[in-house]
Amino acid sequence: MTLFKEKKSKFYGYAFPLSNEETLKTHLEKIRKEHHTASHFCYAYQIGIENTTFRTNDDGEPNNSAGLPIYGQIQSFGITNVLVVVVRYFGGVKLGVGGLAQAYKTAARLTLEQCQIVTRTLKITFLVSFPYEEINRVMRIIKENRLKILDQNLQIDCKIKLSVRKRDAATVFRLFNTSQKIQIAKI
């Protein structure tokens, strides 16, 4: 939690990891209980990597004066799967739309600066299918490229599930796609 003051108004900032929209309500309810006398609960969130979902909420402030500046900071930090909430206690002095936007932006920035941002490696899962006679070739490719086996079923018709860094996916696909006996598919 961070606190930013502007002309007697107080802006409390919070950030939460967010993997789905269902947990959003839980976080908002918790903050509303903690700050039950606050004037506004403005927020923005973004979920996903390639197909992102986002939303902004001004909670009664003038249009685009709160949620959008908060979301702008999420984009500025280049993060996703996050919810940023800024709680405002009105101090009696009107800030104007520009002043509000700047205050919410600053509160969001200060909040994100205080957070420990976790970087995760994007992975893709492949299923490699092949006849048992190709096992030496497949295992050699796996060993030489240090690929992670998630699951394997080695019988007459073999199947191996692999986890691959997204940036290496095209290369791995080409390595296994050189034989008609070996089939690889993204799952």
N, C-alpha and C. Protein backbone atom coordinates (compact mmCIF):
# COMPACT_ATOMS: atom_id res chain seq x y z
N MET A 1 0.85 -1.18 0.00
CA MET A 1 0.00 0.00 0.00
C MET A 1 0.89 1.24 0.00
N THR A 2 0.47 2.23 -0.77
CA THR A 2 1.16 3.52 -0.77
C THR A 2 0.14 4.62 -0.48
N LEU A 3 0.66 5.76 -0.07
CA LEU A 3 -0.18 6.92 0.20
C LEU A 3 0.40 8.11 -0.54
N PHE A 4 -0.48 8.79 -1.29
CA PHE A 4 -0.10 10.01 -2.00
C PHE A 4 -1.13 11.08 -1.63
N LYS A 5 -0.64 12.26 -1.26
CA LYS A 5 -1.54 13.35 -0.87
C LYS A 5 -1.43 14.47 -1.90
N GLU A 6 -2.61 15.01 -2.25
CA GLU A 6 -2.68 16.13 -3.20
C GLU A 6 -3.80 17.05 -2.75
N LYS A 7 -3.46 18.27 -2.37
CA LYS A 7 -4.43 19.28 -1.94
C LYS A 7 -5.47 18.72 -0.98
N LYS A 8 -5.01 18.15 0.08
CA LYS A 8 -5.82 17.60 1.18
C LYS A 8 -6.54 16.29 0.86
N SER A 9 -6.55 15.87 -0.41
CA SER A 9 -7.11 14.55 -0.74
C SER A 9 -6.03 13.50 -0.53
N LYS A 10 -6.46 12.32 -0.09
CA LYS A 10 -5.53 11.21 0.13
C LYS A 10 -5.84 10.11 -0.89
N PHE A 11 -4.79 9.60 -1.50
CA PHE A 11 -4.90 8.54 -2.49
C PHE A 11 -4.09 7.33 -2.01
N TYR A 12 -4.79 6.25 -1.66
CA TYR A 12 -4.14 5.01 -1.23
C TYR A 12 -4.08 4.06 -2.41
N GLY A 13 -2.89 3.56 -2.70
CA GLY A 13 -2.72 2.66 -3.84
C GLY A 13 -2.44 1.24 -3.42
N TYR A 14 -3.05 0.30 -4.14
CA TYR A 14 -2.87 -1.13 -3.91
C TYR A 14 -2.65 -1.83 -5.24
N ALA A 15 -1.84 -2.87 -5.20
CA ALA A 15 -1.65 -3.72 -6.39
C ALA A 15 -1.75 -5.18 -5.97
N PHE A 16 -2.41 -5.97 -6.81
CA PHE A 16 -2.61 -7.39 -6.54
C PHE A 16 -2.33 -8.19 -7.81
N PRO A 17 -1.73 -9.38 -7.66
CA PRO A 17 -1.65 -10.26 -8.83
C PRO A 17 -3.06 -10.72 -9.17
N LEU A 18 -3.34 -10.85 -10.45
CA LEU A 18 -4.70 -11.18 -10.88
C LEU A 18 -4.61 -12.16 -12.05
N SER A 19 -5.15 -13.37 -11.86
CA SER A 19 -5.09 -14.35 -12.94
C SER A 19 -6.43 -14.51 -13.64
N ASN A 20 -7.53 -14.05 -12.98
CA ASN A 20 -8.84 -14.11 -13.60
C ASN A 20 -9.74 -13.03 -13.00
N GLU A 21 -10.84 -12.77 -13.69
CA GLU A 21 -11.73 -11.69 -13.27
C GLU A 21 -12.52 -12.02 -12.01
N GLU A 22 -12.65 -13.30 -11.67
CA GLU A 22 -13.41 -13.69 -10.48
C GLU A 22 -12.75 -13.19 -9.20
N THR A 23 -11.41 -13.19 -9.15
CA THR A 23 -10.72 -12.75 -7.94
C THR A 23 -10.74 -11.23 -7.78
N LEU A 24 -11.10 -10.53 -8.84
CA LEU A 24 -11.20 -9.06 -8.79
C LEU A 24 -12.17 -8.63 -7.70
N LYS A 25 -13.34 -9.23 -7.66
CA LYS A 25 -14.37 -8.86 -6.68
C LYS A 25 -13.88 -9.06 -5.25
N THR A 26 -13.16 -10.12 -5.02
CA THR A 26 -12.63 -10.40 -3.69
C THR A 26 -11.70 -9.28 -3.22
N HIS A 27 -10.80 -8.86 -4.09
CA HIS A 27 -9.87 -7.79 -3.74
C HIS A 27 -10.61 -6.48 -3.50
N LEU A 28 -11.57 -6.17 -4.36
CA LEU A 28 -12.33 -4.91 -4.21
C LEU A 28 -13.15 -4.90 -2.92
N GLU A 29 -13.79 -6.02 -2.60
CA GLU A 29 -14.57 -6.09 -1.37
C GLU A 29 -13.70 -5.88 -0.13
N LYS A 30 -12.52 -6.48 -0.15
CA LYS A 30 -11.58 -6.34 0.97
C LYS A 30 -11.18 -4.88 1.16
N ILE A 31 -10.88 -4.20 0.07
CA ILE A 31 -10.47 -2.79 0.16
C ILE A 31 -11.65 -1.91 0.58
N ARG A 32 -12.83 -2.20 0.06
CA ARG A 32 -14.01 -1.41 0.44
C ARG A 32 -14.31 -1.54 1.94
N LYS A 33 -14.10 -2.72 2.51
CA LYS A 33 -14.30 -2.90 3.94
C LYS A 33 -13.25 -2.12 4.74
N GLU A 34 -12.02 -2.15 4.27
CA GLU A 34 -10.93 -1.47 4.96
C GLU A 34 -11.09 0.05 4.90
N HIS A 35 -11.59 0.56 3.78
CA HIS A 35 -11.74 2.02 3.57
C HIS A 35 -13.22 2.35 3.38
N HIS A 36 -14.06 1.95 4.31
CA HIS A 36 -15.51 2.10 4.15
C HIS A 36 -15.98 3.55 4.07
N THR A 37 -15.17 4.53 4.47
CA THR A 37 -15.59 5.94 4.39
C THR A 37 -14.97 6.67 3.21
N ALA A 38 -14.27 5.97 2.35
CA ALA A 38 -13.61 6.61 1.21
C ALA A 38 -14.62 7.08 0.17
N SER A 39 -14.22 8.07 -0.62
CA SER A 39 -15.10 8.64 -1.64
C SER A 39 -15.14 7.80 -2.92
N HIS A 40 -13.98 7.31 -3.38
CA HIS A 40 -13.89 6.63 -4.67
C HIS A 40 -12.92 5.44 -4.59
N PHE A 41 -13.28 4.38 -5.32
CA PHE A 41 -12.44 3.19 -5.45
C PHE A 41 -12.20 2.97 -6.94
N CYS A 42 -11.20 3.60 -7.48
CA CYS A 42 -10.91 3.54 -8.92
C CYS A 42 -9.86 2.46 -9.17
N TYR A 43 -9.99 1.80 -10.31
CA TYR A 43 -9.04 0.71 -10.57
C TYR A 43 -8.88 0.47 -12.06
N ALA A 44 -7.85 -0.32 -12.34
CA ALA A 44 -7.60 -0.83 -13.69
C ALA A 44 -6.93 -2.18 -13.53
N TYR A 45 -7.19 -3.06 -14.49
CA TYR A 45 -6.50 -4.34 -14.48
C TYR A 45 -6.23 -4.79 -15.90
N GLN A 46 -5.28 -5.72 -15.99
CA GLN A 46 -4.97 -6.36 -17.26
C GLN A 46 -4.63 -7.81 -16.97
N ILE A 47 -5.20 -8.70 -17.78
CA ILE A 47 -4.97 -10.13 -17.64
C ILE A 47 -4.57 -10.68 -19.01
N GLY A 48 -3.58 -11.55 -19.04
CA GLY A 48 -3.20 -12.23 -20.28
C GLY A 48 -1.93 -11.69 -20.89
N ILE A 49 -1.43 -12.47 -21.84
CA ILE A 49 -0.18 -12.11 -22.51
C ILE A 49 -0.45 -11.71 -23.96
N GLU A 50 -0.91 -12.65 -24.76
CA GLU A 50 -1.15 -12.35 -26.16
C GLU A 50 -2.56 -11.83 -26.39
N ASN A 51 -3.53 -12.46 -25.77
CA ASN A 51 -4.91 -12.00 -25.84
C ASN A 51 -5.25 -11.36 -24.50
N THR A 52 -4.95 -10.10 -24.37
CA THR A 52 -5.14 -9.43 -23.09
C THR A 52 -6.58 -8.98 -22.89
N THR A 53 -6.99 -9.02 -21.63
CA THR A 53 -8.27 -8.49 -21.21
C THR A 53 -7.95 -7.37 -20.23
N PHE A 54 -8.58 -6.22 -20.41
CA PHE A 54 -8.34 -5.13 -19.47
C PHE A 54 -9.64 -4.39 -19.22
N ARG A 55 -9.64 -3.65 -18.11
CA ARG A 55 -10.80 -2.83 -17.78
C ARG A 55 -10.33 -1.68 -16.90
N THR A 56 -11.01 -0.56 -17.04
CA THR A 56 -10.75 0.58 -16.18
C THR A 56 -12.07 1.00 -15.53
N ASN A 57 -11.99 1.58 -14.34
CA ASN A 57 -13.19 2.02 -13.64
C ASN A 57 -12.90 3.33 -12.93
N ASP A 58 -13.71 4.36 -13.24
CA ASP A 58 -13.53 5.69 -12.64
C ASP A 58 -14.34 5.86 -11.35
N ASP A 59 -15.23 4.97 -11.05
CA ASP A 59 -16.04 4.98 -9.82
C ASP A 59 -16.56 6.37 -9.44
N GLY A 60 -17.24 7.02 -10.38
CA GLY A 60 -17.87 8.30 -10.09
C GLY A 60 -17.01 9.52 -10.36
N GLU A 61 -15.73 9.35 -10.58
CA GLU A 61 -14.87 10.48 -10.96
C GLU A 61 -15.21 10.83 -12.42
N PRO A 62 -14.84 12.02 -12.88
CA PRO A 62 -15.10 12.37 -14.29
C PRO A 62 -14.50 11.33 -15.25
N ASN A 63 -15.17 11.12 -16.38
CA ASN A 63 -14.73 10.11 -17.35
C ASN A 63 -13.24 10.20 -17.66
N ASN A 64 -12.59 9.03 -17.60
CA ASN A 64 -11.19 8.86 -17.95
C ASN A 64 -10.21 9.65 -17.08
N SER A 65 -10.64 10.09 -15.92
CA SER A 65 -9.74 10.85 -15.04
C SER A 65 -9.07 9.97 -14.00
N ALA A 66 -9.50 8.72 -13.87
CA ALA A 66 -8.93 7.85 -12.84
C ALA A 66 -8.49 6.50 -13.40
N GLY A 67 -9.44 5.73 -13.90
CA GLY A 67 -9.13 4.38 -14.39
C GLY A 67 -8.11 4.36 -15.52
N LEU A 68 -8.26 5.27 -16.47
CA LEU A 68 -7.34 5.31 -17.61
C LEU A 68 -5.91 5.69 -17.20
N PRO A 69 -5.71 6.70 -16.34
CA PRO A 69 -4.34 6.97 -15.88
C PRO A 69 -3.73 5.80 -15.10
N ILE A 70 -4.55 5.08 -14.34
CA ILE A 70 -4.05 3.90 -13.62
C ILE A 70 -3.62 2.84 -14.65
N TYR A 71 -4.48 2.60 -15.65
CA TYR A 71 -4.15 1.61 -16.68
C TYR A 71 -2.90 2.02 -17.46
N GLY A 72 -2.75 3.30 -17.68
CA GLY A 72 -1.56 3.80 -18.37
C GLY A 72 -0.28 3.42 -17.63
N GLN A 73 -0.33 3.39 -16.31
CA GLN A 73 0.85 3.00 -15.54
C GLN A 73 1.10 1.49 -15.64
N ILE A 74 0.04 0.71 -15.70
CA ILE A 74 0.21 -0.74 -15.91
C ILE A 74 0.93 -0.97 -17.24
N GLN A 75 0.50 -0.26 -18.27
CA GLN A 75 1.15 -0.39 -19.58
C GLN A 75 2.58 0.15 -19.55
N SER A 76 2.77 1.25 -18.85
CA SER A 76 4.10 1.86 -18.76
C SER A 76 5.11 0.92 -18.11
N PHE A 77 4.67 0.17 -17.12
CA PHE A 77 5.55 -0.78 -16.46
C PHE A 77 5.70 -2.07 -17.26
N GLY A 78 4.87 -2.25 -18.29
CA GLY A 78 4.95 -3.43 -19.14
C GLY A 78 4.58 -4.71 -18.40
N ILE A 79 3.56 -4.63 -17.55
CA ILE A 79 3.17 -5.80 -16.76
C ILE A 79 1.76 -6.24 -17.11
N THR A 80 1.44 -7.44 -16.72
CA THR A 80 0.10 -7.98 -16.93
C THR A 80 -0.26 -8.85 -15.75
N ASN A 81 -1.49 -9.36 -15.75
CA ASN A 81 -2.00 -10.16 -14.64
C ASN A 81 -1.91 -9.38 -13.33
N VAL A 82 -2.40 -8.14 -13.39
CA VAL A 82 -2.30 -7.25 -12.24
C VAL A 82 -3.57 -6.41 -12.11
N LEU A 83 -3.91 -6.11 -10.88
CA LEU A 83 -4.99 -5.19 -10.54
C LEU A 83 -4.38 -4.07 -9.73
N VAL A 84 -4.65 -2.83 -10.12
CA VAL A 84 -4.20 -1.66 -9.36
C VAL A 84 -5.44 -0.89 -8.94
N VAL A 85 -5.58 -0.67 -7.64
CA VAL A 85 -6.72 0.05 -7.08
C VAL A 85 -6.18 1.29 -6.37
N VAL A 86 -6.83 2.44 -6.64
CA VAL A 86 -6.48 3.67 -5.93
C VAL A 86 -7.75 4.16 -5.23
N VAL A 87 -7.65 4.27 -3.90
CA VAL A 87 -8.76 4.70 -3.06
C VAL A 87 -8.57 6.18 -2.75
N ARG A 88 -9.62 6.98 -2.98
CA ARG A 88 -9.51 8.41 -2.74
C ARG A 88 -10.41 8.84 -1.59
N TYR A 89 -9.81 9.58 -0.68
CA TYR A 89 -10.55 10.30 0.37
C TYR A 89 -10.54 11.76 -0.05
N PHE A 90 -11.71 12.31 -0.34
CA PHE A 90 -11.84 13.70 -0.78
C PHE A 90 -11.44 14.64 0.35
N GLY A 91 -10.58 15.61 0.04
CA GLY A 91 -10.06 16.52 1.06
C GLY A 91 -10.72 17.87 1.08
N GLY A 92 -11.76 18.07 0.25
CA GLY A 92 -12.47 19.34 0.26
C GLY A 92 -12.05 20.30 -0.83
N VAL A 93 -10.95 20.03 -1.51
CA VAL A 93 -10.47 20.90 -2.59
C VAL A 93 -10.61 20.16 -3.91
N LYS A 94 -11.35 20.75 -4.87
CA LYS A 94 -11.51 20.11 -6.18
C LYS A 94 -10.21 20.21 -6.96
N LEU A 95 -9.83 19.11 -7.60
CA LEU A 95 -8.56 19.05 -8.32
C LEU A 95 -8.72 19.31 -9.81
N GLY A 96 -9.94 19.24 -10.33
CA GLY A 96 -10.15 19.36 -11.77
C GLY A 96 -9.79 18.06 -12.45
N VAL A 97 -10.23 17.89 -13.68
CA VAL A 97 -10.00 16.65 -14.40
C VAL A 97 -8.50 16.38 -14.58
N GLY A 98 -7.75 17.40 -14.97
CA GLY A 98 -6.30 17.24 -15.16
C GLY A 98 -5.59 16.91 -13.86
N GLY A 99 -5.97 17.57 -12.79
CA GLY A 99 -5.38 17.31 -11.48
C GLY A 99 -5.70 15.91 -10.98
N LEU A 100 -6.95 15.48 -11.21
CA LEU A 100 -7.33 14.12 -10.82
C LEU A 100 -6.53 13.08 -11.59
N ALA A 101 -6.45 13.27 -12.90
CA ALA A 101 -5.71 12.32 -13.74
C ALA A 101 -4.25 12.23 -13.27
N GLN A 102 -3.65 13.35 -12.98
CA GLN A 102 -2.26 13.36 -12.53
C GLN A 102 -2.13 12.68 -11.16
N ALA A 103 -3.06 12.93 -10.27
CA ALA A 103 -3.01 12.33 -8.93
C ALA A 103 -3.18 10.81 -9.00
N TYR A 104 -4.15 10.33 -9.79
CA TYR A 104 -4.35 8.89 -9.91
C TYR A 104 -3.15 8.23 -10.59
N LYS A 105 -2.60 8.89 -11.59
CA LYS A 105 -1.42 8.38 -12.28
C LYS A 105 -0.25 8.25 -11.30
N THR A 106 -0.03 9.29 -10.51
CA THR A 106 1.08 9.29 -9.55
C THR A 106 0.88 8.21 -8.49
N ALA A 107 -0.33 8.09 -7.97
CA ALA A 107 -0.61 7.06 -6.96
C ALA A 107 -0.37 5.66 -7.53
N ALA A 108 -0.79 5.42 -8.76
CA ALA A 108 -0.57 4.12 -9.39
C ALA A 108 0.91 3.86 -9.62
N ARG A 109 1.64 4.87 -10.09
CA ARG A 109 3.08 4.72 -10.32
C ARG A 109 3.81 4.41 -9.02
N LEU A 110 3.51 5.16 -7.95
CA LEU A 110 4.16 4.92 -6.65
C LEU A 110 3.86 3.51 -6.14
N THR A 111 2.63 3.07 -6.35
CA THR A 111 2.24 1.73 -5.92
C THR A 111 3.02 0.66 -6.67
N LEU A 112 3.09 0.79 -7.99
CA LEU A 112 3.81 -0.22 -8.79
C LEU A 112 5.32 -0.18 -8.52
N GLU A 113 5.86 0.99 -8.22
CA GLU A 113 7.28 1.07 -7.88
C GLU A 113 7.60 0.31 -6.60
N GLN A 114 6.64 0.23 -5.69
CA GLN A 114 6.85 -0.46 -4.42
C GLN A 114 6.65 -1.97 -4.53
N CYS A 115 6.11 -2.43 -5.63
CA CYS A 115 5.79 -3.85 -5.79
C CYS A 115 7.01 -4.65 -6.24
N GLN A 116 7.00 -5.91 -5.85
CA GLN A 116 7.98 -6.85 -6.39
C GLN A 116 7.34 -7.46 -7.63
N ILE A 117 7.86 -7.10 -8.79
CA ILE A 117 7.31 -7.59 -10.05
C ILE A 117 7.99 -8.90 -10.40
N VAL A 118 7.18 -9.94 -10.63
CA VAL A 118 7.68 -11.27 -10.92
C VAL A 118 7.70 -11.48 -12.43
N THR A 119 8.85 -11.89 -12.94
CA THR A 119 8.98 -12.17 -14.36
C THR A 119 8.87 -13.67 -14.57
N ARG A 120 8.02 -14.06 -15.49
CA ARG A 120 7.82 -15.48 -15.77
C ARG A 120 8.19 -15.77 -17.22
N THR A 121 8.71 -16.97 -17.45
CA THR A 121 9.06 -17.41 -18.79
C THR A 121 7.82 -18.00 -19.45
N LEU A 122 7.55 -17.56 -20.66
CA LEU A 122 6.41 -18.10 -21.40
C LEU A 122 6.79 -19.46 -21.99
N LYS A 123 5.91 -20.42 -21.78
CA LYS A 123 6.18 -21.78 -22.25
C LYS A 123 5.05 -22.26 -23.15
N ILE A 124 5.41 -23.17 -24.03
CA ILE A 124 4.46 -23.83 -24.92
C ILE A 124 4.61 -25.34 -24.70
N THR A 125 3.50 -26.04 -24.73
CA THR A 125 3.53 -27.49 -24.55
C THR A 125 3.31 -28.16 -25.91
N PHE A 126 4.19 -29.12 -26.20
CA PHE A 126 4.10 -29.90 -27.43
C PHE A 126 3.87 -31.36 -27.09
N LEU A 127 3.17 -32.06 -27.98
CA LEU A 127 3.02 -33.51 -27.88
C LEU A 127 3.75 -34.11 -29.08
N VAL A 128 4.74 -34.93 -28.79
CA VAL A 128 5.51 -35.61 -29.83
C VAL A 128 5.05 -37.06 -29.87
N SER A 129 4.58 -37.49 -31.04
CA SER A 129 4.09 -38.87 -31.23
C SER A 129 4.98 -39.55 -32.26
N PHE A 130 5.34 -40.81 -31.96
CA PHE A 130 6.27 -41.52 -32.86
C PHE A 130 6.22 -43.01 -32.56
N PRO A 131 6.63 -43.85 -33.54
CA PRO A 131 6.73 -45.29 -33.27
C PRO A 131 7.98 -45.56 -32.42
N TYR A 132 7.95 -46.63 -31.67
CA TYR A 132 9.05 -46.94 -30.73
C TYR A 132 10.41 -46.98 -31.43
N GLU A 133 10.45 -47.39 -32.69
CA GLU A 133 11.72 -47.48 -33.42
C GLU A 133 12.44 -46.13 -33.56
N GLU A 134 11.72 -45.03 -33.34
CA GLU A 134 12.30 -43.68 -33.45
C GLU A 134 12.73 -43.11 -32.10
N ILE A 135 12.69 -43.92 -31.05
CA ILE A 135 12.95 -43.40 -29.70
C ILE A 135 14.35 -42.82 -29.54
N ASN A 136 15.36 -43.46 -30.14
CA ASN A 136 16.73 -42.95 -30.01
C ASN A 136 16.85 -41.55 -30.62
N ARG A 137 16.29 -41.37 -31.79
CA ARG A 137 16.34 -40.07 -32.45
C ARG A 137 15.62 -39.00 -31.61
N VAL A 138 14.43 -39.32 -31.12
CA VAL A 138 13.64 -38.36 -30.33
C VAL A 138 14.37 -38.01 -29.04
N MET A 139 14.86 -39.03 -28.32
CA MET A 139 15.55 -38.77 -27.05
C MET A 139 16.85 -37.99 -27.26
N ARG A 140 17.53 -38.22 -28.37
CA ARG A 140 18.75 -37.46 -28.66
C ARG A 140 18.40 -35.97 -28.83
N ILE A 141 17.34 -35.67 -29.57
CA ILE A 141 16.90 -34.28 -29.76
C ILE A 141 16.54 -33.66 -28.42
N ILE A 142 15.83 -34.40 -27.58
CA ILE A 142 15.43 -33.89 -26.26
C ILE A 142 16.66 -33.60 -25.41
N LYS A 143 17.62 -34.54 -25.38
CA LYS A 143 18.82 -34.37 -24.56
C LYS A 143 19.70 -33.23 -25.08
N GLU A 144 19.95 -33.19 -26.38
CA GLU A 144 20.83 -32.16 -26.96
C GLU A 144 20.26 -30.75 -26.75
N ASN A 145 18.95 -30.61 -26.73
CA ASN A 145 18.32 -29.30 -26.60
C ASN A 145 17.81 -29.02 -25.19
N ARG A 146 18.12 -29.93 -24.28
CA ARG A 146 17.75 -29.78 -22.86
C ARG A 146 16.26 -29.45 -22.69
N LEU A 147 15.43 -30.22 -23.34
CA LEU A 147 13.99 -30.00 -23.28
C LEU A 147 13.41 -30.69 -22.05
N LYS A 148 12.38 -30.09 -21.50
CA LYS A 148 11.76 -30.62 -20.29
C LYS A 148 10.61 -31.55 -20.66
N ILE A 149 10.69 -32.79 -20.19
CA ILE A 149 9.63 -33.77 -20.41
C ILE A 149 8.61 -33.62 -19.29
N LEU A 150 7.36 -33.38 -19.67
CA LEU A 150 6.28 -33.26 -18.69
C LEU A 150 5.62 -34.61 -18.43
N ASP A 151 5.52 -35.42 -19.49
CA ASP A 151 4.85 -36.71 -19.38
C ASP A 151 5.32 -37.56 -20.55
N GLN A 152 5.35 -38.87 -20.33
CA GLN A 152 5.73 -39.75 -21.43
C GLN A 152 5.02 -41.09 -21.32
N ASN A 153 4.73 -41.64 -22.49
CA ASN A 153 4.11 -42.95 -22.59
C ASN A 153 4.88 -43.67 -23.69
N LEU A 154 5.79 -44.56 -23.26
CA LEU A 154 6.70 -45.21 -24.21
C LEU A 154 6.28 -46.66 -24.40
N GLN A 155 5.50 -46.90 -25.45
CA GLN A 155 5.06 -48.25 -25.81
C GLN A 155 5.30 -48.41 -27.31
N ILE A 156 4.50 -49.19 -27.99
CA ILE A 156 4.68 -49.35 -29.44
C ILE A 156 4.47 -48.00 -30.12
N ASP A 157 3.40 -47.31 -29.75
CA ASP A 157 3.17 -45.94 -30.21
C ASP A 157 3.50 -45.02 -29.04
N CYS A 158 4.57 -44.26 -29.15
CA CYS A 158 5.07 -43.44 -28.05
C CYS A 158 4.53 -42.01 -28.13
N LYS A 159 4.39 -41.43 -26.96
CA LYS A 159 3.96 -40.03 -26.85
C LYS A 159 4.76 -39.38 -25.73
N ILE A 160 5.31 -38.22 -26.03
CA ILE A 160 6.05 -37.45 -25.02
C ILE A 160 5.51 -36.03 -25.04
N LYS A 161 5.16 -35.54 -23.87
CA LYS A 161 4.70 -34.16 -23.73
C LYS A 161 5.89 -33.33 -23.25
N LEU A 162 6.19 -32.26 -23.99
CA LEU A 162 7.34 -31.41 -23.70
C LEU A 162 6.92 -29.98 -23.38
N SER A 163 7.69 -29.35 -22.50
CA SER A 163 7.51 -27.93 -22.21
C SER A 163 8.70 -27.19 -22.82
N VAL A 164 8.39 -26.18 -23.64
CA VAL A 164 9.42 -25.46 -24.39
C VAL A 164 9.23 -23.96 -24.20
N ARG A 165 10.33 -23.24 -24.05
CA ARG A 165 10.24 -21.79 -24.01
C ARG A 165 9.61 -21.30 -25.31
N LYS A 166 8.76 -20.32 -25.20
CA LYS A 166 8.05 -19.83 -26.38
C LYS A 166 9.02 -19.38 -27.46
N ARG A 167 10.09 -18.72 -27.06
CA ARG A 167 11.04 -18.20 -28.05
C ARG A 167 11.76 -19.33 -28.80
N ASP A 168 11.80 -20.55 -28.22
CA ASP A 168 12.47 -21.68 -28.85
C ASP A 168 11.50 -22.62 -29.57
N ALA A 169 10.21 -22.31 -29.52
CA ALA A 169 9.18 -23.22 -30.03
C ALA A 169 9.36 -23.53 -31.52
N ALA A 170 9.63 -22.54 -32.34
CA ALA A 170 9.76 -22.77 -33.79
C ALA A 170 10.95 -23.68 -34.09
N THR A 171 12.04 -23.49 -33.39
CA THR A 171 13.23 -24.32 -33.59
C THR A 171 12.94 -25.76 -33.20
N VAL A 172 12.32 -25.96 -32.05
CA VAL A 172 11.99 -27.31 -31.58
C VAL A 172 11.03 -27.98 -32.55
N PHE A 173 10.07 -27.24 -33.01
CA PHE A 173 9.10 -27.79 -33.98
C PHE A 173 9.84 -28.30 -35.21
N ARG A 174 10.78 -27.50 -35.73
CA ARG A 174 11.54 -27.91 -36.93
C ARG A 174 12.39 -29.15 -36.66
N LEU A 175 12.99 -29.23 -35.48
CA LEU A 175 13.84 -30.38 -35.15
C LEU A 175 13.07 -31.70 -35.22
N PHE A 176 11.86 -31.70 -34.72
CA PHE A 176 11.06 -32.91 -34.69
C PHE A 176 10.29 -33.13 -36.00
N ASN A 177 10.14 -32.11 -36.78
CA ASN A 177 9.34 -32.19 -37.99
C ASN A 177 10.16 -32.63 -39.21
N THR A 178 11.32 -33.25 -38.99
CA THR A 178 12.19 -33.66 -40.09
C THR A 178 11.89 -35.07 -40.58
N SER A 179 11.15 -35.83 -39.81
CA SER A 179 10.82 -37.21 -40.19
C SER A 179 9.31 -37.36 -40.30
N GLN A 180 8.87 -38.13 -41.29
CA GLN A 180 7.43 -38.37 -41.43
C GLN A 180 6.91 -39.30 -40.34
N LYS A 181 7.80 -40.02 -39.68
CA LYS A 181 7.39 -40.93 -38.62
C LYS A 181 7.16 -40.21 -37.29
N ILE A 182 7.75 -39.03 -37.16
CA ILE A 182 7.62 -38.28 -35.90
C ILE A 182 6.64 -37.14 -36.15
N GLN A 183 5.64 -37.05 -35.29
CA GLN A 183 4.62 -36.00 -35.40
C GLN A 183 4.71 -35.12 -34.16
N ILE A 184 4.62 -33.82 -34.36
CA ILE A 184 4.65 -32.89 -33.24
C ILE A 184 3.46 -31.94 -33.38
N ALA A 185 2.81 -31.69 -32.24
CA ALA A 185 1.65 -30.80 -32.25
C ALA A 185 1.66 -29.96 -30.97
N LYS A 186 1.27 -28.72 -31.13
CA LYS A 186 1.14 -27.81 -29.99
C LYS A 186 -0.16 -28.14 -29.26
N ILE A 187 -0.09 -28.25 -27.93
CA ILE A 187 -1.31 -28.53 -27.15
C ILE A 187 -1.50 -27.48 -26.07
